[in-house]
Amino acid sequence: MWVQRDGIEEQRRAGRADPSRFEGSRRRAYYRVAGILPIRLTPLAPGEVEAAVFDLSMPDPLCQPVGEGEEDTPLMARLRRIEEKLDLLLGVSPVDVPRQLSGRDRRSLVFSGSGLSIDVPWSYSQGDAYRVEILLPPPYARTLRAVAFAVRDPLPEVGPDGNRALPLALEHMDDDDRDALVAYSYDLQRFALRARNDVHGVSE
């Protein structure tokens, strides 16, 4: 199930959030790595946060694997009927259906098992909430979902493209999703270490 880390949301509501303390505790718990991944951030209004957190406990129908021999099960037959009805509906009226993440959504980011930082073109404030979706490559091949909060206000520094770094705490996230994110970060660390060793002629 999803878990909440460090209680920054409650501290934010009470006006006691200390981003520097929060970020330090995260660094002690997880390693941060840089990567390029498909990611989507959706701003959440205060009244939408509770529903978004609840949604994390529900399976994502777009991401459920189908095992061998399952094509003829009653569940698959029902899903096919639903899909046919949706095809008919989509043919007669426009429906806003979020598309799956793909390579076109790749962005540079720094991340760990507890948070991430990504450059964004919009303004934000400490405590702003976002729905986060991240697509991990094979062998994980899964879309991670979380509800995250900005841990501080924007810094005055602006990049050459006019963007500012948005630091997010992954407050609410399924345990399996968080474990997959941590495992992938370990993979990136190993790849980077192997590359450095190859450059310096050091064997593992």
C-alpha atoms as a PDB file:
ATOM      1  CA  MET A   1       0.000   0.000   0.000  1.00  0.00           C
ATOM      2  CA  TRP A   2       1.057   3.641  -0.197  1.00  0.00           C
ATOM      3  CA  VAL A   3       3.063   5.050   2.668  1.00  0.00           C
ATOM      4  CA  GLN A   4       3.690   8.539   3.955  1.00  0.00           C
ATOM      5  CA  ARG A   5       7.237   9.672   4.761  1.00  0.00           C
ATOM      6  CA  ASP A   6       8.444  12.122   7.409  1.00  0.00           C
ATOM      7  CA  GLY A   7       5.119  13.891   7.960  1.00  0.00           C
ATOM      8  CA  ILE A   8       5.961  17.033   5.977  1.00  0.00           C
ATOM      9  CA  GLU A   9       2.344  17.389   4.858  1.00  0.00           C
ATOM     10  CA  GLU A  10       1.105  17.600   8.452  1.00  0.00           C
ATOM     11  CA  GLN A  11       3.913  19.991   9.364  1.00  0.00           C
ATOM     12  CA  ARG A  12       3.048  22.145   6.349  1.00  0.00           C
ATOM     13  CA  ARG A  13      -0.574  22.358   7.444  1.00  0.00           C
ATOM     14  CA  ALA A  14       0.500  23.328  10.960  1.00  0.00           C
ATOM     15  CA  GLY A  15       3.017  25.866   9.668  1.00  0.00           C
ATOM     16  CA  ARG A  16       5.954  23.909  11.134  1.00  0.00           C
ATOM     17  CA  ALA A  17       7.542  22.475   7.972  1.00  0.00           C
ATOM     18  CA  ASP A  18      11.328  22.856   7.901  1.00  0.00           C
ATOM     19  CA  PRO A  19      12.468  22.028   4.349  1.00  0.00           C
ATOM     20  CA  SER A  20      16.169  21.965   5.246  1.00  0.00           C
ATOM     21  CA  ARG A  21      15.603  19.409   7.999  1.00  0.00           C
ATOM     22  CA  PHE A  22      13.314  17.420   5.755  1.00  0.00           C
ATOM     23  CA  GLU A  23      15.766  17.351   2.846  1.00  0.00           C
ATOM     24  CA  GLY A  24      18.603  16.333   5.170  1.00  0.00           C
ATOM     25  CA  SER A  25      16.645  13.403   6.566  1.00  0.00           C
ATOM     26  CA  ARG A  26      15.850  12.255   3.047  1.00  0.00           C
ATOM     27  CA  ARG A  27      19.513  12.327   2.074  1.00  0.00           C
ATOM     28  CA  ARG A  28      20.362  10.073   4.983  1.00  0.00           C
ATOM     29  CA  ALA A  29      17.753   7.545   3.893  1.00  0.00           C
ATOM     30  CA  TYR A  30      18.307   7.382   0.123  1.00  0.00           C
ATOM     31  CA  TYR A  31      20.962   8.076  -2.490  1.00  0.00           C
ATOM     32  CA  ARG A  32      20.164  10.652  -5.145  1.00  0.00           C
ATOM     33  CA  VAL A  33      20.970   9.930  -8.780  1.00  0.00           C
ATOM     34  CA  ALA A  34      20.498  11.780 -12.060  1.00  0.00           C
ATOM     35  CA  GLY A  35      18.599  10.177 -14.908  1.00  0.00           C
ATOM     36  CA  ILE A  36      16.353  10.731 -17.902  1.00  0.00           C
ATOM     37  CA  LEU A  37      12.905   9.190 -17.537  1.00  0.00           C
ATOM     38  CA  PRO A  38       9.381   9.652 -18.899  1.00  0.00           C
ATOM     39  CA  ILE A  39       7.582  11.650 -16.222  1.00  0.00           C
ATOM     40  CA  ARG A  40       4.299  13.544 -15.906  1.00  0.00           C
ATOM     41  CA  LEU A  41       3.397  16.060 -13.201  1.00  0.00           C
ATOM     42  CA  THR A  42      -0.221  17.082 -12.682  1.00  0.00           C
ATOM     43  CA  PRO A  43      -0.915  19.961 -10.251  1.00  0.00           C
ATOM     44  CA  LEU A  44      -3.503  19.129  -7.598  1.00  0.00           C
ATOM     45  CA  ALA A  45      -5.815  21.623  -5.945  1.00  0.00           C
ATOM     46  CA  PRO A  46      -6.079  21.264  -2.141  1.00  0.00           C
ATOM     47  CA  GLY A  47      -9.478  19.635  -2.503  1.00  0.00           C
ATOM     48  CA  GLU A  48      -8.121  17.032  -4.935  1.00  0.00           C
ATOM     49  CA  VAL A  49      -5.292  15.667  -2.772  1.00  0.00           C
ATOM     50  CA  GLU A  50      -7.343  13.245  -0.678  1.00  0.00           C
ATOM     51  CA  ALA A  51      -8.924  11.647  -3.757  1.00  0.00           C
ATOM     52  CA  ALA A  52      -5.535  11.422  -5.481  1.00  0.00           C
ATOM     53  CA  VAL A  53      -4.060   9.643  -2.456  1.00  0.00           C
ATOM     54  CA  PHE A  54      -6.997   7.226  -2.412  1.00  0.00           C
ATOM     55  CA  ASP A  55      -6.431   6.467  -6.102  1.00  0.00           C
ATOM     56  CA  LEU A  56      -2.956   5.176  -5.249  1.00  0.00           C
ATOM     57  CA  SER A  57      -4.547   2.229  -3.449  1.00  0.00           C
ATOM     58  CA  MET A  58      -6.440   1.249  -6.605  1.00  0.00           C
ATOM     59  CA  PRO A  59      -4.792  -0.734  -9.425  1.00  0.00           C
ATOM     60  CA  ASP A  60      -4.019   1.217 -12.570  1.00  0.00           C
ATOM     61  CA  PRO A  61      -6.037  -0.564 -15.318  1.00  0.00           C
ATOM     62  CA  LEU A  62      -3.627   0.704 -17.985  1.00  0.00           C
ATOM     63  CA  CYS A  63      -0.659  -0.972 -16.308  1.00  0.00           C
ATOM     64  CA  GLN A  64      -1.918  -4.433 -15.371  1.00  0.00           C
ATOM     65  CA  PRO A  65       0.146  -7.238 -16.919  1.00  0.00           C
ATOM     66  CA  VAL A  66      -1.637 -10.067 -18.707  1.00  0.00           C
ATOM     67  CA  GLY A  67      -0.157 -13.504 -18.105  1.00  0.00           C
ATOM     68  CA  GLU A  68       0.100 -16.347 -20.568  1.00  0.00           C
ATOM     69  CA  GLY A  69      -3.163 -18.154 -21.163  1.00  0.00           C
ATOM     70  CA  GLU A  70      -5.300 -15.347 -19.702  1.00  0.00           C
ATOM     71  CA  GLU A  71      -6.746 -14.204 -23.023  1.00  0.00           C
ATOM     72  CA  ASP A  72      -9.826 -16.435 -22.726  1.00  0.00           C
ATOM     73  CA  THR A  73     -10.651 -15.879 -19.056  1.00  0.00           C
ATOM     74  CA  PRO A  74     -14.016 -14.323 -18.090  1.00  0.00           C
ATOM     75  CA  LEU A  75     -12.185 -11.216 -16.903  1.00  0.00           C
ATOM     76  CA  MET A  76     -10.476 -10.729 -20.259  1.00  0.00           C
ATOM     77  CA  ALA A  77     -13.774 -11.280 -22.086  1.00  0.00           C
ATOM     78  CA  ARG A  78     -15.391  -8.604 -19.934  1.00  0.00           C
ATOM     79  CA  LEU A  79     -12.490  -6.224 -20.527  1.00  0.00           C
ATOM     80  CA  ARG A  80     -12.812  -6.757 -24.274  1.00  0.00           C
ATOM     81  CA  ARG A  81     -16.517  -5.878 -24.110  1.00  0.00           C
ATOM     82  CA  ILE A  82     -15.723  -2.731 -22.137  1.00  0.00           C
ATOM     83  CA  GLU A  83     -13.046  -1.826 -24.665  1.00  0.00           C
ATOM     84  CA  GLU A  84     -15.502  -2.266 -27.537  1.00  0.00           C
ATOM     85  CA  LYS A  85     -18.019   0.023 -25.812  1.00  0.00           C
ATOM     86  CA  LEU A  86     -15.320   2.615 -25.199  1.00  0.00           C
ATOM     87  CA  ASP A  87     -14.339   2.473 -28.853  1.00  0.00           C
ATOM     88  CA  LEU A  88     -17.937   3.262 -29.792  1.00  0.00           C
ATOM     89  CA  LEU A  89     -18.137   6.132 -27.307  1.00  0.00           C
ATOM     90  CA  LEU A  90     -14.839   7.592 -28.431  1.00  0.00           C
ATOM     91  CA  GLY A  91     -16.071   7.444 -31.997  1.00  0.00           C
ATOM     92  CA  VAL A  92     -19.067   9.699 -31.351  1.00  0.00           C
ATOM     93  CA  SER A  93     -17.815  12.126 -28.704  1.00  0.00           C
ATOM     94  CA  PRO A  94     -14.477  13.538 -27.590  1.00  0.00           C
ATOM     95  CA  VAL A  95     -13.300  12.041 -24.296  1.00  0.00           C
ATOM     96  CA  ASP A  96     -10.286  13.309 -22.378  1.00  0.00           C
ATOM     97  CA  VAL A  97      -8.409  10.080 -21.672  1.00  0.00           C
ATOM     98  CA  PRO A  98      -4.869  10.450 -20.293  1.00  0.00           C
ATOM     99  CA  ARG A  99      -2.428   8.764 -22.624  1.00  0.00           C
ATOM    100  CA  GLN A 100       0.196   6.380 -21.345  1.00  0.00           C
ATOM    101  CA  LEU A 101       3.679   7.704 -20.749  1.00  0.00           C
ATOM    102  CA  SER A 102       6.189   7.084 -23.510  1.00  0.00           C
ATOM    103  CA  GLY A 103       9.616   8.111 -24.717  1.00  0.00           C
ATOM    104  CA  ARG A 104       8.261  11.497 -25.811  1.00  0.00           C
ATOM    105  CA  ASP A 105       7.798  12.377 -22.112  1.00  0.00           C
ATOM    106  CA  ARG A 106      11.450  11.878 -21.147  1.00  0.00           C
ATOM    107  CA  ARG A 107      12.893  14.584 -18.903  1.00  0.00           C
ATOM    108  CA  SER A 108      16.130  15.044 -17.009  1.00  0.00           C
ATOM    109  CA  LEU A 109      15.679  14.791 -13.250  1.00  0.00           C
ATOM    110  CA  VAL A 110      17.470  13.999 -10.015  1.00  0.00           C
ATOM    111  CA  PHE A 111      15.657  11.453  -7.872  1.00  0.00           C
ATOM    112  CA  SER A 112      15.821   9.063  -4.963  1.00  0.00           C
ATOM    113  CA  GLY A 113      13.373   6.774  -3.219  1.00  0.00           C
ATOM    114  CA  SER A 114      11.900   9.708  -1.336  1.00  0.00           C
ATOM    115  CA  GLY A 115      11.817  12.612  -3.748  1.00  0.00           C
ATOM    116  CA  LEU A 116      12.905  14.222  -6.973  1.00  0.00           C
ATOM    117  CA  SER A 117      13.960  17.524  -8.470  1.00  0.00           C
ATOM    118  CA  ILE A 118      12.970  18.574 -11.970  1.00  0.00           C
ATOM    119  CA  ASP A 119      13.116  21.871 -13.858  1.00  0.00           C
ATOM    120  CA  VAL A 120       9.693  23.380 -14.573  1.00  0.00           C
ATOM    121  CA  PRO A 121       8.560  26.543 -16.396  1.00  0.00           C
ATOM    122  CA  TRP A 122       5.794  27.451 -13.937  1.00  0.00           C
ATOM    123  CA  SER A 123       5.778  29.157 -10.555  1.00  0.00           C
ATOM    124  CA  TYR A 124       5.047  27.181  -7.390  1.00  0.00           C
ATOM    125  CA  SER A 125       4.987  27.484  -3.610  1.00  0.00           C
ATOM    126  CA  GLN A 126       6.085  25.267  -0.751  1.00  0.00           C
ATOM    127  CA  GLY A 127       3.380  22.704  -0.042  1.00  0.00           C
ATOM    128  CA  ASP A 128       1.922  22.649  -3.576  1.00  0.00           C
ATOM    129  CA  ALA A 129       0.686  19.140  -4.405  1.00  0.00           C
ATOM    130  CA  TYR A 130       1.257  17.143  -7.591  1.00  0.00           C
ATOM    131  CA  ARG A 131       0.247  13.804  -8.996  1.00  0.00           C
ATOM    132  CA  VAL A 132       3.476  12.180 -10.218  1.00  0.00           C
ATOM    133  CA  GLU A 133       3.773   9.418 -12.819  1.00  0.00           C
ATOM    134  CA  ILE A 134       7.159   7.945 -13.771  1.00  0.00           C
ATOM    135  CA  LEU A 135       7.762   5.231 -16.359  1.00  0.00           C
ATOM    136  CA  LEU A 136      10.667   2.913 -15.546  1.00  0.00           C
ATOM    137  CA  PRO A 137      12.405   1.080 -18.414  1.00  0.00           C
ATOM    138  CA  PRO A 138      12.823  -2.719 -18.609  1.00  0.00           C
ATOM    139  CA  PRO A 139      13.336  -4.924 -16.721  1.00  0.00           C
ATOM    140  CA  TYR A 140      10.969  -2.948 -14.461  1.00  0.00           C
ATOM    141  CA  ALA A 141       8.657  -1.711 -17.248  1.00  0.00           C
ATOM    142  CA  ARG A 142       6.117  -0.186 -14.887  1.00  0.00           C
ATOM    143  CA  THR A 143       4.515   3.179 -14.283  1.00  0.00           C
ATOM    144  CA  LEU A 144       5.073   4.498 -10.768  1.00  0.00           C
ATOM    145  CA  ARG A 145       2.439   6.714  -9.180  1.00  0.00           C
ATOM    146  CA  ALA A 146       2.737   9.079  -6.247  1.00  0.00           C
ATOM    147  CA  VAL A 147       1.322  12.203  -4.644  1.00  0.00           C
ATOM    148  CA  ALA A 148       4.136  14.657  -3.961  1.00  0.00           C
ATOM    149  CA  PHE A 149       4.565  18.066  -2.350  1.00  0.00           C
ATOM    150  CA  ALA A 150       6.959  20.934  -3.071  1.00  0.00           C
ATOM    151  CA  VAL A 151       9.352  21.119  -0.115  1.00  0.00           C
ATOM    152  CA  ARG A 152      10.265  24.799  -0.516  1.00  0.00           C
ATOM    153  CA  ASP A 153       9.536  27.961  -2.462  1.00  0.00           C
ATOM    154  CA  PRO A 154      11.467  28.552  -5.705  1.00  0.00           C
ATOM    155  CA  LEU A 155      15.058  29.722  -5.415  1.00  0.00           C
ATOM    156  CA  PRO A 156      15.927  33.007  -7.152  1.00  0.00           C
ATOM    157  CA  GLU A 157      18.239  31.242  -9.597  1.00  0.00           C
ATOM    158  CA  VAL A 158      16.713  30.699 -13.033  1.00  0.00           C
ATOM    159  CA  GLY A 159      18.181  28.435 -15.706  1.00  0.00           C
ATOM    160  CA  PRO A 160      19.116  29.638 -19.201  1.00  0.00           C
ATOM    161  CA  ASP A 161      15.759  28.359 -20.449  1.00  0.00           C
ATOM    162  CA  GLY A 162      13.872  30.288 -17.764  1.00  0.00           C
ATOM    163  CA  ASN A 163      13.012  27.167 -15.746  1.00  0.00           C
ATOM    164  CA  ARG A 164      13.388  26.675 -11.991  1.00  0.00           C
ATOM    165  CA  ALA A 165      14.138  23.470 -10.106  1.00  0.00           C
ATOM    166  CA  LEU A 166      11.038  22.039  -8.411  1.00  0.00           C
ATOM    167  CA  PRO A 167      11.990  19.803  -5.433  1.00  0.00           C
ATOM    168  CA  LEU A 168       9.248  17.310  -4.594  1.00  0.00           C
ATOM    169  CA  ALA A 169       8.814  14.940  -1.672  1.00  0.00           C
ATOM    170  CA  LEU A 170       7.156  11.668  -2.694  1.00  0.00           C
ATOM    171  CA  GLU A 171       4.902  11.659   0.352  1.00  0.00           C
ATOM    172  CA  HIS A 172       2.345   9.072  -0.738  1.00  0.00           C
ATOM    173  CA  MET A 173       3.515   6.109  -2.806  1.00  0.00           C
ATOM    174  CA  ASP A 174       2.871   2.384  -3.058  1.00  0.00           C
ATOM    175  CA  ASP A 175       5.598   0.352  -1.326  1.00  0.00           C
ATOM    176  CA  ASP A 176       6.250  -1.721  -4.447  1.00  0.00           C
ATOM    177  CA  ASP A 177       6.548   1.423  -6.565  1.00  0.00           C
ATOM    178  CA  ARG A 178       8.988   2.980  -4.104  1.00  0.00           C
ATOM    179  CA  ASP A 179      11.046  -0.219  -3.972  1.00  0.00           C
ATOM    180  CA  ALA A 180      11.207  -0.282  -7.781  1.00  0.00           C
ATOM    181  CA  LEU A 181      12.358   3.343  -7.869  1.00  0.00           C
ATOM    182  CA  VAL A 182      15.081   2.624  -5.302  1.00  0.00           C
ATOM    183  CA  ALA A 183      16.186  -0.502  -7.181  1.00  0.00           C
ATOM    184  CA  TYR A 184      16.421   1.470 -10.420  1.00  0.00           C
ATOM    185  CA  SER A 185      18.479   4.161  -8.692  1.00  0.00           C
ATOM    186  CA  TYR A 186      20.872   1.420  -7.519  1.00  0.00           C
ATOM    187  CA  ASP A 187      21.135   0.206 -11.119  1.00  0.00           C
ATOM    188  CA  LEU A 188      22.111   3.691 -12.270  1.00  0.00           C
ATOM    189  CA  GLN A 189      24.702   3.928  -9.495  1.00  0.00           C
ATOM    190  CA  ARG A 190      26.231   0.614 -10.552  1.00  0.00           C
ATOM    191  CA  PHE A 191      26.321   1.663 -14.217  1.00  0.00           C
ATOM    192  CA  ALA A 192      28.024   4.949 -13.302  1.00  0.00           C
ATOM    193  CA  LEU A 193      30.570   3.174 -11.083  1.00  0.00           C
ATOM    194  CA  ARG A 194      31.326   0.619 -13.786  1.00  0.00           C
ATOM    195  CA  ALA A 195      31.810   3.398 -16.339  1.00  0.00           C
ATOM    196  CA  ARG A 196      34.216   5.240 -14.027  1.00  0.00           C
ATOM    197  CA  ASN A 197      36.154   2.033 -13.355  1.00  0.00           C
ATOM    198  CA  ASP A 198      36.409   1.340 -17.085  1.00  0.00           C
ATOM    199  CA  VAL A 199      37.806   4.820 -17.696  1.00  0.00           C
ATOM    200  CA  HIS A 200      40.448   4.378 -14.992  1.00  0.00           C
ATOM    201  CA  GLY A 201      41.155   0.744 -15.811  1.00  0.00           C
ATOM    202  CA  VAL A 202      39.881  -0.568 -12.474  1.00  0.00           C
ATOM    203  CA  SER A 203      38.074  -3.898 -12.369  1.00  0.00           C
ATOM    204  CA  GLU A 204      35.127  -4.459 -10.043  1.00  0.00           C
END
